[in-house]
Amino acid sequence: IDSCTALNRLPVGQKARVSSILFEGTARRRLMDLGMIEGTEIKSLYKSPAGNPIAYMIRGAVIALRTDVTEKILVSK
């Protein structure tokens, strides 16, 4: 993983921290309500057989997110 990359590019089993969220308004608020704020550690857990959605461990909860959402969440190691 580069210095900053999209969350959907994080390999399964790897951890990273949220750098920024490229959403505005309600979508941004929903992600923040899930605990996804700058500095939050996220671990990629599983990919569905089709590769979408992907399950992530975020603040002790497993949350499945679609690629169209995770491509707008930037993370770094």
C-alpha atoms as a PDB file:
ATOM      1  CA  ILE A   1       0.000   0.000   0.000  1.00  0.00           C
ATOM      2  CA  ASP A   2       1.369   3.398  -0.970  1.00  0.00           C
ATOM      3  CA  SER A   3       1.518   6.409   1.322  1.00  0.00           C
ATOM      4  CA  CYS A   4      -2.147   7.105   0.538  1.00  0.00           C
ATOM      5  CA  THR A   5      -4.511   4.874  -1.419  1.00  0.00           C
ATOM      6  CA  ALA A   6      -8.194   4.002  -1.726  1.00  0.00           C
ATOM      7  CA  LEU A   7      -9.554   1.659   0.953  1.00  0.00           C
ATOM      8  CA  ASN A   8     -10.780  -0.840  -1.666  1.00  0.00           C
ATOM      9  CA  ARG A   9      -7.123  -1.436  -2.650  1.00  0.00           C
ATOM     10  CA  LEU A  10      -6.146  -2.559   0.865  1.00  0.00           C
ATOM     11  CA  PRO A  11      -5.253  -6.279   0.678  1.00  0.00           C
ATOM     12  CA  VAL A  12      -7.267  -8.703   2.819  1.00  0.00           C
ATOM     13  CA  GLY A  13      -5.598  -9.133   6.213  1.00  0.00           C
ATOM     14  CA  GLN A  14      -3.872  -5.732   6.092  1.00  0.00           C
ATOM     15  CA  LYS A  15      -4.467  -2.738   8.357  1.00  0.00           C
ATOM     16  CA  ALA A  16      -4.375   0.956   7.545  1.00  0.00           C
ATOM     17  CA  ARG A  17      -5.565   4.267   8.983  1.00  0.00           C
ATOM     18  CA  VAL A  18      -8.109   6.627   7.468  1.00  0.00           C
ATOM     19  CA  SER A  19      -6.428   9.663   5.910  1.00  0.00           C
ATOM     20  CA  SER A  20      -9.473  11.363   4.418  1.00  0.00           C
ATOM     21  CA  ILE A  21     -13.038  10.796   3.244  1.00  0.00           C
ATOM     22  CA  LEU A  22     -13.891  12.217  -0.174  1.00  0.00           C
ATOM     23  CA  PHE A  23     -17.624  12.496   0.507  1.00  0.00           C
ATOM     24  CA  GLU A  24     -19.763  15.477   1.451  1.00  0.00           C
ATOM     25  CA  GLY A  25     -23.049  15.834   3.282  1.00  0.00           C
ATOM     26  CA  THR A  26     -25.140  12.847   4.350  1.00  0.00           C
ATOM     27  CA  ALA A  27     -22.800  10.168   2.968  1.00  0.00           C
ATOM     28  CA  ARG A  28     -19.874  11.655   4.899  1.00  0.00           C
ATOM     29  CA  ARG A  29     -21.969  11.860   8.067  1.00  0.00           C
ATOM     30  CA  ARG A  30     -23.013   8.201   7.784  1.00  0.00           C
ATOM     31  CA  LEU A  31     -19.409   7.062   7.478  1.00  0.00           C
ATOM     32  CA  MET A  32     -18.429   9.192  10.448  1.00  0.00           C
ATOM     33  CA  ASP A  33     -21.323   7.695  12.439  1.00  0.00           C
ATOM     34  CA  LEU A  34     -19.767   4.273  11.753  1.00  0.00           C
ATOM     35  CA  GLY A  35     -16.608   5.554  13.448  1.00  0.00           C
ATOM     36  CA  MET A  36     -14.710   6.234  10.257  1.00  0.00           C
ATOM     37  CA  ILE A  37     -12.819   9.411  11.072  1.00  0.00           C
ATOM     38  CA  GLU A  38      -9.271  10.497  10.337  1.00  0.00           C
ATOM     39  CA  GLY A  39      -6.811   8.221  12.137  1.00  0.00           C
ATOM     40  CA  THR A  40      -9.229   5.315  12.627  1.00  0.00           C
ATOM     41  CA  GLU A  41      -7.589   1.916  12.097  1.00  0.00           C
ATOM     42  CA  ILE A  42      -9.332  -0.317   9.557  1.00  0.00           C
ATOM     43  CA  LYS A  43      -8.557  -3.945   8.749  1.00  0.00           C
ATOM     44  CA  SER A  44      -9.702  -5.613   5.537  1.00  0.00           C
ATOM     45  CA  LEU A  45     -11.245  -8.951   6.543  1.00  0.00           C
ATOM     46  CA  TYR A  46     -13.023 -10.671   3.661  1.00  0.00           C
ATOM     47  CA  LYS A  47     -14.019 -10.158   0.050  1.00  0.00           C
ATOM     48  CA  SER A  48     -17.249 -11.612  -1.270  1.00  0.00           C
ATOM     49  CA  PRO A  49     -16.781 -14.146  -4.094  1.00  0.00           C
ATOM     50  CA  ALA A  50     -17.603 -11.427  -6.622  1.00  0.00           C
ATOM     51  CA  GLY A  51     -15.213  -9.022  -4.867  1.00  0.00           C
ATOM     52  CA  ASN A  52     -17.937  -6.572  -3.845  1.00  0.00           C
ATOM     53  CA  PRO A  53     -18.734  -5.840  -1.023  1.00  0.00           C
ATOM     54  CA  ILE A  54     -15.699  -6.170   1.228  1.00  0.00           C
ATOM     55  CA  ALA A  55     -15.931  -6.667   5.009  1.00  0.00           C
ATOM     56  CA  TYR A  56     -13.814  -4.435   7.246  1.00  0.00           C
ATOM     57  CA  MET A  57     -13.143  -4.328  10.983  1.00  0.00           C
ATOM     58  CA  ILE A  58     -13.780  -0.761  12.128  1.00  0.00           C
ATOM     59  CA  ARG A  59     -13.622   0.054  15.851  1.00  0.00           C
ATOM     60  CA  GLY A  60     -14.552  -3.497  16.843  1.00  0.00           C
ATOM     61  CA  ALA A  61     -17.444  -3.863  14.379  1.00  0.00           C
ATOM     62  CA  VAL A  62     -17.473  -5.779  11.102  1.00  0.00           C
ATOM     63  CA  ILE A  63     -18.939  -3.599   8.355  1.00  0.00           C
ATOM     64  CA  ALA A  64     -19.391  -4.541   4.687  1.00  0.00           C
ATOM     65  CA  LEU A  65     -18.883  -1.678   2.251  1.00  0.00           C
ATOM     66  CA  ARG A  66     -19.297  -1.532  -1.522  1.00  0.00           C
ATOM     67  CA  THR A  67     -16.449  -0.552  -3.827  1.00  0.00           C
ATOM     68  CA  ASP A  68     -18.189   2.658  -4.925  1.00  0.00           C
ATOM     69  CA  VAL A  69     -17.956   3.806  -1.292  1.00  0.00           C
ATOM     70  CA  THR A  70     -14.479   2.504  -0.419  1.00  0.00           C
ATOM     71  CA  GLU A  71     -12.851   4.034  -3.491  1.00  0.00           C
ATOM     72  CA  LYS A  72     -13.597   7.444  -1.925  1.00  0.00           C
ATOM     73  CA  ILE A  73     -12.003   6.638   1.436  1.00  0.00           C
ATOM     74  CA  LEU A  74      -8.257   7.242   1.467  1.00  0.00           C
ATOM     75  CA  VAL A  75      -6.042   5.279   3.849  1.00  0.00           C
ATOM     76  CA  SER A  76      -2.356   5.063   4.700  1.00  0.00           C
ATOM     77  CA  LYS A  77      -0.189   2.716   6.774  1.00  0.00           C
END
